[in-house]
């Protein structure tokens, strides 16, 4: 999963209102909707949008980065 997909799942799981997130983060509602809710108009979050959203939600952006699978020996 991409960072944007991970953030979208997190936002959905905790029930964040996109209008409120838009107002607080300064990221346009259209960008949030296309990135976090719309399957037909999917777009990746820009770096500044990601950091603004994470700041408002008080989460670490690195928590959503893809991590390589640990090798089992």
N, C-alpha and C. Protein backbone atom coordinates (compact mmCIF):
# COMPACT_ATOMS: atom_id res chain seq x y z
N UNK A 1 0.84 -1.19 0.00
CA UNK A 1 0.00 0.00 0.00
C UNK A 1 0.88 1.24 0.00
N UNK A 2 0.39 2.29 -0.62
CA UNK A 2 1.13 3.55 -0.65
C UNK A 2 0.87 4.34 0.63
N UNK A 3 1.65 5.37 0.85
CA UNK A 3 1.47 6.24 2.00
C UNK A 3 0.06 6.84 1.99
N UNK A 4 -0.37 7.30 0.82
CA UNK A 4 -1.70 7.89 0.71
C UNK A 4 -2.78 6.87 1.06
N UNK A 5 -2.65 5.66 0.60
CA UNK A 5 -3.64 4.61 0.92
C UNK A 5 -3.64 4.31 2.42
N UNK A 6 -2.46 4.31 3.03
CA UNK A 6 -2.36 4.07 4.47
C UNK A 6 -3.02 5.19 5.26
N UNK A 7 -2.79 6.44 4.85
CA UNK A 7 -3.43 7.59 5.51
C UNK A 7 -4.94 7.51 5.31
N UNK A 8 -5.39 7.19 4.11
CA UNK A 8 -6.82 7.09 3.83
C UNK A 8 -7.49 6.07 4.74
N UNK A 9 -6.85 4.93 4.92
CA UNK A 9 -7.40 3.89 5.80
C UNK A 9 -7.45 4.39 7.23
N UNK A 10 -6.41 5.05 7.69
CA UNK A 10 -6.36 5.58 9.05
C UNK A 10 -7.47 6.61 9.28
N UNK A 11 -7.61 7.54 8.33
CA UNK A 11 -8.63 8.60 8.44
C UNK A 11 -10.03 7.97 8.48
N UNK A 12 -10.25 6.98 7.64
CA UNK A 12 -11.56 6.30 7.62
C UNK A 12 -11.79 5.56 8.93
N UNK A 13 -10.78 4.85 9.42
CA UNK A 13 -10.91 4.05 10.64
C UNK A 13 -11.24 4.91 11.87
N UNK A 14 -10.67 6.11 11.94
CA UNK A 14 -10.94 6.96 13.12
C UNK A 14 -12.11 7.93 12.89
N UNK A 15 -12.68 7.92 11.68
CA UNK A 15 -13.88 8.71 11.40
C UNK A 15 -13.67 10.20 11.29
N UNK A 16 -12.58 10.60 10.66
CA UNK A 16 -12.29 12.03 10.49
C UNK A 16 -13.19 12.61 9.40
N UNK A 17 -13.76 13.78 9.67
CA UNK A 17 -14.58 14.49 8.72
C UNK A 17 -13.65 15.26 7.77
N UNK A 18 -13.78 15.01 6.47
CA UNK A 18 -12.87 15.64 5.50
C UNK A 18 -13.03 17.16 5.44
N UNK A 19 -14.25 17.66 5.62
CA UNK A 19 -14.45 19.12 5.62
C UNK A 19 -13.70 19.77 6.76
N UNK A 20 -13.81 19.17 7.94
CA UNK A 20 -13.11 19.70 9.11
C UNK A 20 -11.59 19.59 8.94
N UNK A 21 -11.12 18.45 8.42
CA UNK A 21 -9.70 18.26 8.18
C UNK A 21 -9.19 19.29 7.17
N UNK A 22 -9.99 19.58 6.17
CA UNK A 22 -9.61 20.58 5.17
C UNK A 22 -9.46 21.96 5.81
N UNK A 23 -10.42 22.34 6.62
CA UNK A 23 -10.36 23.65 7.28
C UNK A 23 -9.14 23.76 8.20
N UNK A 24 -8.88 22.71 8.96
CA UNK A 24 -7.78 22.77 9.93
C UNK A 24 -6.41 22.66 9.28
N UNK A 25 -6.30 21.87 8.21
CA UNK A 25 -4.99 21.63 7.60
C UNK A 25 -4.65 22.61 6.49
N UNK A 26 -5.67 23.25 5.90
CA UNK A 26 -5.43 24.15 4.78
C UNK A 26 -5.33 23.42 3.44
N UNK A 27 -5.52 22.11 3.44
CA UNK A 27 -5.52 21.32 2.21
C UNK A 27 -6.95 21.37 1.66
N UNK A 28 -7.10 21.65 0.38
CA UNK A 28 -8.44 21.80 -0.18
C UNK A 28 -9.26 20.51 -0.03
N UNK A 29 -10.57 20.71 0.12
CA UNK A 29 -11.46 19.55 0.26
C UNK A 29 -11.36 18.65 -0.97
N UNK A 30 -11.28 19.26 -2.15
CA UNK A 30 -11.21 18.48 -3.39
C UNK A 30 -9.97 17.59 -3.40
N UNK A 31 -8.85 18.12 -2.94
CA UNK A 31 -7.61 17.33 -2.89
C UNK A 31 -7.74 16.20 -1.88
N UNK A 32 -8.30 16.50 -0.71
CA UNK A 32 -8.50 15.46 0.30
C UNK A 32 -9.43 14.37 -0.22
N UNK A 33 -10.52 14.77 -0.83
CA UNK A 33 -11.49 13.79 -1.32
C UNK A 33 -10.85 12.89 -2.38
N UNK A 34 -10.16 13.50 -3.33
CA UNK A 34 -9.54 12.73 -4.41
C UNK A 34 -8.44 11.81 -3.87
N UNK A 35 -7.77 12.23 -2.83
CA UNK A 35 -6.66 11.44 -2.28
C UNK A 35 -7.12 10.39 -1.28
N UNK A 36 -8.14 10.71 -0.49
CA UNK A 36 -8.49 9.84 0.62
C UNK A 36 -9.80 9.09 0.46
N UNK A 37 -10.68 9.53 -0.43
CA UNK A 37 -12.01 8.91 -0.50
C UNK A 37 -12.40 8.37 -1.86
N UNK A 38 -11.99 9.03 -2.91
CA UNK A 38 -12.46 8.68 -4.25
C UNK A 38 -11.59 7.60 -4.89
N UNK A 39 -12.20 6.52 -5.30
CA UNK A 39 -11.47 5.47 -6.02
C UNK A 39 -11.35 5.84 -7.50
N UNK A 40 -12.32 6.56 -8.02
CA UNK A 40 -12.29 6.88 -9.46
C UNK A 40 -11.37 8.05 -9.78
N UNK A 41 -11.13 8.93 -8.81
CA UNK A 41 -10.28 10.10 -9.04
C UNK A 41 -9.04 10.08 -8.17
N UNK A 42 -8.51 8.90 -7.87
CA UNK A 42 -7.40 8.77 -6.92
C UNK A 42 -6.19 9.59 -7.33
N UNK A 43 -5.62 10.28 -6.36
CA UNK A 43 -4.37 11.01 -6.53
C UNK A 43 -3.55 10.85 -5.26
N UNK A 44 -2.25 10.82 -5.42
CA UNK A 44 -1.35 10.73 -4.26
C UNK A 44 -1.31 12.08 -3.56
N UNK A 45 -1.19 12.04 -2.24
CA UNK A 45 -1.00 13.27 -1.47
C UNK A 45 0.36 13.87 -1.80
N UNK A 46 0.42 15.18 -1.86
CA UNK A 46 1.69 15.87 -2.02
C UNK A 46 2.40 15.86 -0.66
N UNK A 47 3.69 16.03 -0.66
CA UNK A 47 4.47 15.97 0.59
C UNK A 47 3.98 17.00 1.60
N UNK A 48 3.74 18.22 1.14
CA UNK A 48 3.28 19.26 2.07
C UNK A 48 1.88 18.97 2.60
N UNK A 49 1.03 18.36 1.78
CA UNK A 49 -0.31 17.99 2.23
C UNK A 49 -0.21 16.91 3.31
N UNK A 50 0.65 15.93 3.06
CA UNK A 50 0.85 14.85 4.01
C UNK A 50 1.32 15.39 5.36
N UNK A 51 2.30 16.26 5.36
CA UNK A 51 2.82 16.80 6.62
C UNK A 51 1.78 17.67 7.32
N UNK A 52 1.00 18.44 6.57
CA UNK A 52 -0.05 19.27 7.16
C UNK A 52 -1.12 18.40 7.82
N UNK A 53 -1.54 17.34 7.15
CA UNK A 53 -2.55 16.43 7.68
C UNK A 53 -2.03 15.73 8.94
N UNK A 54 -0.81 15.24 8.87
CA UNK A 54 -0.22 14.55 10.02
C UNK A 54 -0.06 15.48 11.21
N UNK A 55 0.29 16.74 10.97
CA UNK A 55 0.41 17.72 12.05
C UNK A 55 -0.93 17.90 12.75
N UNK A 56 -1.99 18.07 11.98
CA UNK A 56 -3.34 18.27 12.54
C UNK A 56 -3.80 17.04 13.30
N UNK A 57 -3.53 15.85 12.76
CA UNK A 57 -3.96 14.61 13.40
C UNK A 57 -3.01 14.15 14.51
N UNK A 58 -1.90 14.88 14.68
CA UNK A 58 -0.89 14.58 15.70
C UNK A 58 -0.35 13.16 15.55
N UNK A 59 0.05 12.85 14.32
CA UNK A 59 0.64 11.55 14.01
C UNK A 59 1.95 11.75 13.26
N UNK A 60 2.79 10.75 13.30
CA UNK A 60 4.09 10.80 12.62
C UNK A 60 3.92 10.31 11.18
N UNK A 61 4.29 11.12 10.18
CA UNK A 61 4.16 10.69 8.79
C UNK A 61 4.91 9.39 8.49
N UNK A 62 5.99 9.14 9.21
CA UNK A 62 6.76 7.92 8.96
C UNK A 62 6.02 6.65 9.37
N UNK A 63 4.98 6.80 10.19
CA UNK A 63 4.18 5.64 10.57
C UNK A 63 3.43 5.06 9.38
N UNK A 64 3.30 5.84 8.32
CA UNK A 64 2.52 5.42 7.16
C UNK A 64 3.39 5.04 5.96
N UNK A 65 4.69 5.17 6.14
CA UNK A 65 5.62 4.80 5.06
C UNK A 65 5.65 3.29 4.92
N UNK A 66 5.80 2.82 3.69
CA UNK A 66 5.95 1.39 3.47
C UNK A 66 7.26 0.93 4.06
N UNK A 67 7.19 -0.12 4.81
CA UNK A 67 8.41 -0.66 5.42
C UNK A 67 8.74 -1.98 4.75
N UNK A 68 10.00 -2.20 4.47
CA UNK A 68 10.37 -3.46 3.83
C UNK A 68 10.05 -4.64 4.76
N UNK A 69 9.65 -5.73 4.15
CA UNK A 69 9.36 -6.92 4.92
C UNK A 69 10.61 -7.42 5.63
N UNK A 70 10.47 -7.82 6.87
CA UNK A 70 11.61 -8.35 7.58
C UNK A 70 11.90 -9.76 7.05
N UNK A 71 13.17 -10.04 6.88
CA UNK A 71 13.56 -11.35 6.37
C UNK A 71 13.54 -12.36 7.50
N UNK A 72 12.94 -13.50 7.22
CA UNK A 72 12.93 -14.58 8.20
C UNK A 72 14.06 -15.54 7.85
N UNK A 73 14.80 -15.92 8.86
CA UNK A 73 15.93 -16.82 8.63
C UNK A 73 15.60 -18.20 9.06
